[in-house]
Amino acid sequence: MFEGKDGENSVEDIISRYKDDVASLAPYIPWLKEHTKQQVAESYSNSELSNSMPFPVYDSTLLSFVKQAQQTGMMNRNYTYVYTRNHIANYKDELEFISDAEIMNMDDLAGILSKYILEGQTKGTVWAEGVYTGVLYQLIYKMDDLIHFWGTLSY
């Protein structure tokens, strides 16, 4: 599973590909932890307009996190393959996969992040669900932990 020292998908390659992107999301870890099991979006509708459709209003920190995640190189529109390949069907499966993940699973972890960020652009509840269930917290925490652990080992 581990490739040569300078090979693609070696530990060094994975760290170099993910280090900066994960570091840009790591400042959100305390906020994500604090808001697990809390609602971070409210539904707003204008009662004065009879045909108005309710829409979510998000916490500003959540919107900043989403914007930062969108700017990383981790967004993968083929994230569905991660779910199929790893038999992930719901948020409990996501949490179990994240808990067991190792450095060689960073691409799959990025796939889970992609699902939440990309689906949330069209389905209003996805970002808030990721915070509420703790998936986004566990995900970023795990990615940051793996980068720090493997980045400090000498080869």
C-alpha atoms as a PDB file:
ATOM      1  CA  MET A   1       0.000   0.000   0.000  1.00  0.00           C
ATOM      2  CA  PHE A   2       2.858   2.398   0.735  1.00  0.00           C
ATOM      3  CA  GLU A   3       4.632   3.445  -2.439  1.00  0.00           C
ATOM      4  CA  GLY A   4       8.254   4.441  -2.853  1.00  0.00           C
ATOM      5  CA  LYS A   5       9.563   7.436  -0.923  1.00  0.00           C
ATOM      6  CA  ASP A   6       9.100   9.875  -3.796  1.00  0.00           C
ATOM      7  CA  GLY A   7       6.220   8.039  -5.495  1.00  0.00           C
ATOM      8  CA  GLU A   8       2.735   9.269  -6.056  1.00  0.00           C
ATOM      9  CA  ASN A   9       0.521   8.409  -3.084  1.00  0.00           C
ATOM     10  CA  SER A  10       3.508   7.951  -0.802  1.00  0.00           C
ATOM     11  CA  VAL A  11       3.031   9.360   2.677  1.00  0.00           C
ATOM     12  CA  GLU A  12       5.214  12.333   1.707  1.00  0.00           C
ATOM     13  CA  ASP A  13       3.122  12.965  -1.406  1.00  0.00           C
ATOM     14  CA  ILE A  14      -0.155  12.803   0.531  1.00  0.00           C
ATOM     15  CA  ILE A  15       1.153  15.181   3.190  1.00  0.00           C
ATOM     16  CA  SER A  16       2.411  17.659   0.595  1.00  0.00           C
ATOM     17  CA  ARG A  17      -0.921  17.557  -1.284  1.00  0.00           C
ATOM     18  CA  TYR A  18      -3.110  18.028   1.785  1.00  0.00           C
ATOM     19  CA  LYS A  19      -1.046  19.924   4.355  1.00  0.00           C
ATOM     20  CA  ASP A  20      -1.927  23.485   3.291  1.00  0.00           C
ATOM     21  CA  ASP A  21      -5.592  22.747   2.545  1.00  0.00           C
ATOM     22  CA  VAL A  22      -6.128  21.019   5.887  1.00  0.00           C
ATOM     23  CA  ALA A  23      -4.268  23.833   7.673  1.00  0.00           C
ATOM     24  CA  SER A  24      -6.688  26.338   6.113  1.00  0.00           C
ATOM     25  CA  LEU A  25      -9.665  24.419   7.590  1.00  0.00           C
ATOM     26  CA  ALA A  26      -8.116  23.555  10.977  1.00  0.00           C
ATOM     27  CA  PRO A  27      -9.012  26.932  12.581  1.00  0.00           C
ATOM     28  CA  TYR A  28     -12.678  25.891  12.276  1.00  0.00           C
ATOM     29  CA  ILE A  29     -12.215  22.744  14.413  1.00  0.00           C
ATOM     30  CA  PRO A  30     -13.181  24.407  17.742  1.00  0.00           C
ATOM     31  CA  TRP A  31     -16.282  25.989  16.171  1.00  0.00           C
ATOM     32  CA  LEU A  32     -17.326  22.717  14.518  1.00  0.00           C
ATOM     33  CA  LYS A  33     -16.866  20.845  17.811  1.00  0.00           C
ATOM     34  CA  GLU A  34     -18.798  23.452  19.779  1.00  0.00           C
ATOM     35  CA  HIS A  35     -21.726  23.381  17.337  1.00  0.00           C
ATOM     36  CA  THR A  36     -22.092  19.598  17.058  1.00  0.00           C
ATOM     37  CA  LYS A  37     -25.692  18.723  18.014  1.00  0.00           C
ATOM     38  CA  GLN A  38     -26.709  22.368  17.517  1.00  0.00           C
ATOM     39  CA  GLN A  39     -28.713  23.985  14.744  1.00  0.00           C
ATOM     40  CA  VAL A  40     -26.574  26.342  12.657  1.00  0.00           C
ATOM     41  CA  ALA A  41     -29.250  27.321  10.151  1.00  0.00           C
ATOM     42  CA  GLU A  42     -32.661  28.851  10.549  1.00  0.00           C
ATOM     43  CA  SER A  43     -35.482  28.794   8.070  1.00  0.00           C
ATOM     44  CA  TYR A  44     -36.601  32.208   6.897  1.00  0.00           C
ATOM     45  CA  SER A  45     -39.763  32.991   4.994  1.00  0.00           C
ATOM     46  CA  ASN A  46     -41.572  36.232   4.396  1.00  0.00           C
ATOM     47  CA  SER A  47     -45.088  35.798   5.762  1.00  0.00           C
ATOM     48  CA  GLU A  48     -46.204  38.947   3.941  1.00  0.00           C
ATOM     49  CA  LEU A  49     -45.695  37.242   0.592  1.00  0.00           C
ATOM     50  CA  SER A  50     -48.168  34.446  -0.036  1.00  0.00           C
ATOM     51  CA  ASN A  51     -45.967  32.609  -2.531  1.00  0.00           C
ATOM     52  CA  SER A  52     -42.685  33.019  -0.708  1.00  0.00           C
ATOM     53  CA  MET A  53     -40.598  29.914  -0.241  1.00  0.00           C
ATOM     54  CA  PRO A  54     -38.647  29.426   3.019  1.00  0.00           C
ATOM     55  CA  PHE A  55     -34.876  29.304   2.697  1.00  0.00           C
ATOM     56  CA  PRO A  56     -32.084  28.579   5.146  1.00  0.00           C
ATOM     57  CA  VAL A  57     -30.104  31.360   6.791  1.00  0.00           C
ATOM     58  CA  TYR A  58     -26.719  30.049   7.891  1.00  0.00           C
ATOM     59  CA  ASP A  59     -24.364  30.968  10.702  1.00  0.00           C
ATOM     60  CA  SER A  60     -21.642  33.255   9.294  1.00  0.00           C
ATOM     61  CA  THR A  61     -18.848  30.978  10.553  1.00  0.00           C
ATOM     62  CA  LEU A  62     -20.389  28.031   8.710  1.00  0.00           C
ATOM     63  CA  LEU A  63     -20.480  30.084   5.514  1.00  0.00           C
ATOM     64  CA  SER A  64     -16.815  31.038   6.008  1.00  0.00           C
ATOM     65  CA  PHE A  65     -15.912  27.379   6.514  1.00  0.00           C
ATOM     66  CA  VAL A  66     -17.784  26.360   3.347  1.00  0.00           C
ATOM     67  CA  LYS A  67     -16.136  29.135   1.331  1.00  0.00           C
ATOM     68  CA  GLN A  68     -12.698  28.093   2.592  1.00  0.00           C
ATOM     69  CA  ALA A  69     -13.387  24.426   1.796  1.00  0.00           C
ATOM     70  CA  GLN A  70     -14.493  25.371  -1.727  1.00  0.00           C
ATOM     71  CA  GLN A  71     -11.142  27.090  -2.257  1.00  0.00           C
ATOM     72  CA  THR A  72      -9.122  24.002  -1.361  1.00  0.00           C
ATOM     73  CA  GLY A  73      -7.949  21.438  -3.856  1.00  0.00           C
ATOM     74  CA  MET A  74      -9.986  18.785  -2.054  1.00  0.00           C
ATOM     75  CA  MET A  75     -13.283  19.187  -3.916  1.00  0.00           C
ATOM     76  CA  ASN A  76     -13.965  16.062  -5.958  1.00  0.00           C
ATOM     77  CA  ARG A  77     -17.159  15.838  -7.976  1.00  0.00           C
ATOM     78  CA  ASN A  78     -16.722  12.044  -8.125  1.00  0.00           C
ATOM     79  CA  TYR A  79     -17.170  11.687  -4.352  1.00  0.00           C
ATOM     80  CA  THR A  80     -19.963   9.144  -4.908  1.00  0.00           C
ATOM     81  CA  TYR A  81     -17.301   6.551  -5.746  1.00  0.00           C
ATOM     82  CA  VAL A  82     -15.829   7.023  -2.261  1.00  0.00           C
ATOM     83  CA  TYR A  83     -19.210   6.155  -0.772  1.00  0.00           C
ATOM     84  CA  THR A  84     -19.720   3.127  -3.041  1.00  0.00           C
ATOM     85  CA  ARG A  85     -16.183   1.776  -2.643  1.00  0.00           C
ATOM     86  CA  ASN A  86     -16.283   2.070   1.160  1.00  0.00           C
ATOM     87  CA  HIS A  87     -19.937   1.005   1.600  1.00  0.00           C
ATOM     88  CA  ILE A  88     -20.870   4.309   3.258  1.00  0.00           C
ATOM     89  CA  ALA A  89     -24.642   4.819   3.339  1.00  0.00           C
ATOM     90  CA  ASN A  90     -25.327   7.318   6.142  1.00  0.00           C
ATOM     91  CA  TYR A  91     -23.682   9.640   8.617  1.00  0.00           C
ATOM     92  CA  LYS A  92     -23.019   6.797  11.091  1.00  0.00           C
ATOM     93  CA  ASP A  93     -21.049   4.977   8.382  1.00  0.00           C
ATOM     94  CA  GLU A  94     -19.207   8.240   7.663  1.00  0.00           C
ATOM     95  CA  LEU A  95     -18.276   8.640  11.340  1.00  0.00           C
ATOM     96  CA  GLU A  96     -17.079   5.026  11.544  1.00  0.00           C
ATOM     97  CA  PHE A  97     -14.995   5.386   8.376  1.00  0.00           C
ATOM     98  CA  ILE A  98     -13.472   8.651   9.645  1.00  0.00           C
ATOM     99  CA  SER A  99     -12.642   7.080  13.003  1.00  0.00           C
ATOM    100  CA  ASP A 100     -10.800   4.167  11.349  1.00  0.00           C
ATOM    101  CA  ALA A 101      -9.094   6.236   8.619  1.00  0.00           C
ATOM    102  CA  GLU A 102      -5.342   6.323   8.166  1.00  0.00           C
ATOM    103  CA  ILE A 103      -3.084   8.632   6.154  1.00  0.00           C
ATOM    104  CA  MET A 104      -3.606   6.511   3.019  1.00  0.00           C
ATOM    105  CA  ASN A 105      -7.359   7.298   3.232  1.00  0.00           C
ATOM    106  CA  MET A 106      -6.906  11.066   2.809  1.00  0.00           C
ATOM    107  CA  ASP A 107      -8.390  11.026  -0.702  1.00  0.00           C
ATOM    108  CA  ASP A 108     -11.488   9.272   0.645  1.00  0.00           C
ATOM    109  CA  LEU A 109     -11.744  11.709   3.563  1.00  0.00           C
ATOM    110  CA  ALA A 110     -11.589  14.540   1.025  1.00  0.00           C
ATOM    111  CA  GLY A 111     -14.414  12.763  -0.838  1.00  0.00           C
ATOM    112  CA  ILE A 112     -16.604  12.898   2.257  1.00  0.00           C
ATOM    113  CA  LEU A 113     -15.852  16.608   2.641  1.00  0.00           C
ATOM    114  CA  SER A 114     -16.685  17.083  -1.043  1.00  0.00           C
ATOM    115  CA  LYS A 115     -20.079  15.467  -0.572  1.00  0.00           C
ATOM    116  CA  TYR A 116     -21.048  17.901   2.159  1.00  0.00           C
ATOM    117  CA  ILE A 117     -19.690  21.020   0.481  1.00  0.00           C
ATOM    118  CA  LEU A 118     -20.907  20.269  -3.054  1.00  0.00           C
ATOM    119  CA  GLU A 119     -24.322  18.848  -2.134  1.00  0.00           C
ATOM    120  CA  GLY A 120     -24.880  21.758   0.229  1.00  0.00           C
ATOM    121  CA  GLN A 121     -24.689  24.142  -2.708  1.00  0.00           C
ATOM    122  CA  THR A 122     -27.954  22.740  -4.053  1.00  0.00           C
ATOM    123  CA  LYS A 123     -29.593  21.127  -1.019  1.00  0.00           C
ATOM    124  CA  GLY A 124     -30.071  23.618   1.771  1.00  0.00           C
ATOM    125  CA  THR A 125     -29.848  21.318   4.784  1.00  0.00           C
ATOM    126  CA  VAL A 126     -26.637  19.417   3.993  1.00  0.00           C
ATOM    127  CA  TRP A 127     -24.125  21.882   5.491  1.00  0.00           C
ATOM    128  CA  ALA A 128     -26.111  22.188   8.720  1.00  0.00           C
ATOM    129  CA  GLU A 129     -26.523  18.387   8.924  1.00  0.00           C
ATOM    130  CA  GLY A 130     -22.753  17.937   8.603  1.00  0.00           C
ATOM    131  CA  VAL A 131     -22.228  20.230  11.572  1.00  0.00           C
ATOM    132  CA  TYR A 132     -25.114  18.834  13.629  1.00  0.00           C
ATOM    133  CA  THR A 133     -24.076  15.165  13.250  1.00  0.00           C
ATOM    134  CA  GLY A 134     -20.436  15.970  13.988  1.00  0.00           C
ATOM    135  CA  VAL A 135     -19.240  14.580  10.663  1.00  0.00           C
ATOM    136  CA  LEU A 136     -17.544  17.826   9.604  1.00  0.00           C
ATOM    137  CA  TYR A 137     -15.866  18.216  12.991  1.00  0.00           C
ATOM    138  CA  GLN A 138     -14.620  14.607  13.077  1.00  0.00           C
ATOM    139  CA  LEU A 139     -13.504  14.830   9.460  1.00  0.00           C
ATOM    140  CA  ILE A 140     -11.395  17.983   9.733  1.00  0.00           C
ATOM    141  CA  TYR A 141     -10.052  16.937  13.144  1.00  0.00           C
ATOM    142  CA  LYS A 142      -8.988  13.537  11.756  1.00  0.00           C
ATOM    143  CA  MET A 143      -7.367  15.012   8.641  1.00  0.00           C
ATOM    144  CA  ASP A 144      -5.464  17.545  10.766  1.00  0.00           C
ATOM    145  CA  ASP A 145      -4.424  14.832  13.238  1.00  0.00           C
ATOM    146  CA  LEU A 146      -3.138  12.543  10.459  1.00  0.00           C
ATOM    147  CA  ILE A 147      -1.154  15.343   8.813  1.00  0.00           C
ATOM    148  CA  HIS A 148       0.446  16.323  12.122  1.00  0.00           C
ATOM    149  CA  PHE A 149       1.214  12.730  13.128  1.00  0.00           C
ATOM    150  CA  TRP A 150       2.723  11.630   9.823  1.00  0.00           C
ATOM    151  CA  GLY A 151       4.352  14.996   9.164  1.00  0.00           C
ATOM    152  CA  THR A 152       6.449  14.700  12.315  1.00  0.00           C
ATOM    153  CA  LEU A 153       7.806  11.238  11.568  1.00  0.00           C
ATOM    154  CA  SER A 154      11.186  11.075   9.926  1.00  0.00           C
ATOM    155  CA  TYR A 155      11.872   8.566   7.214  1.00  0.00           C
END
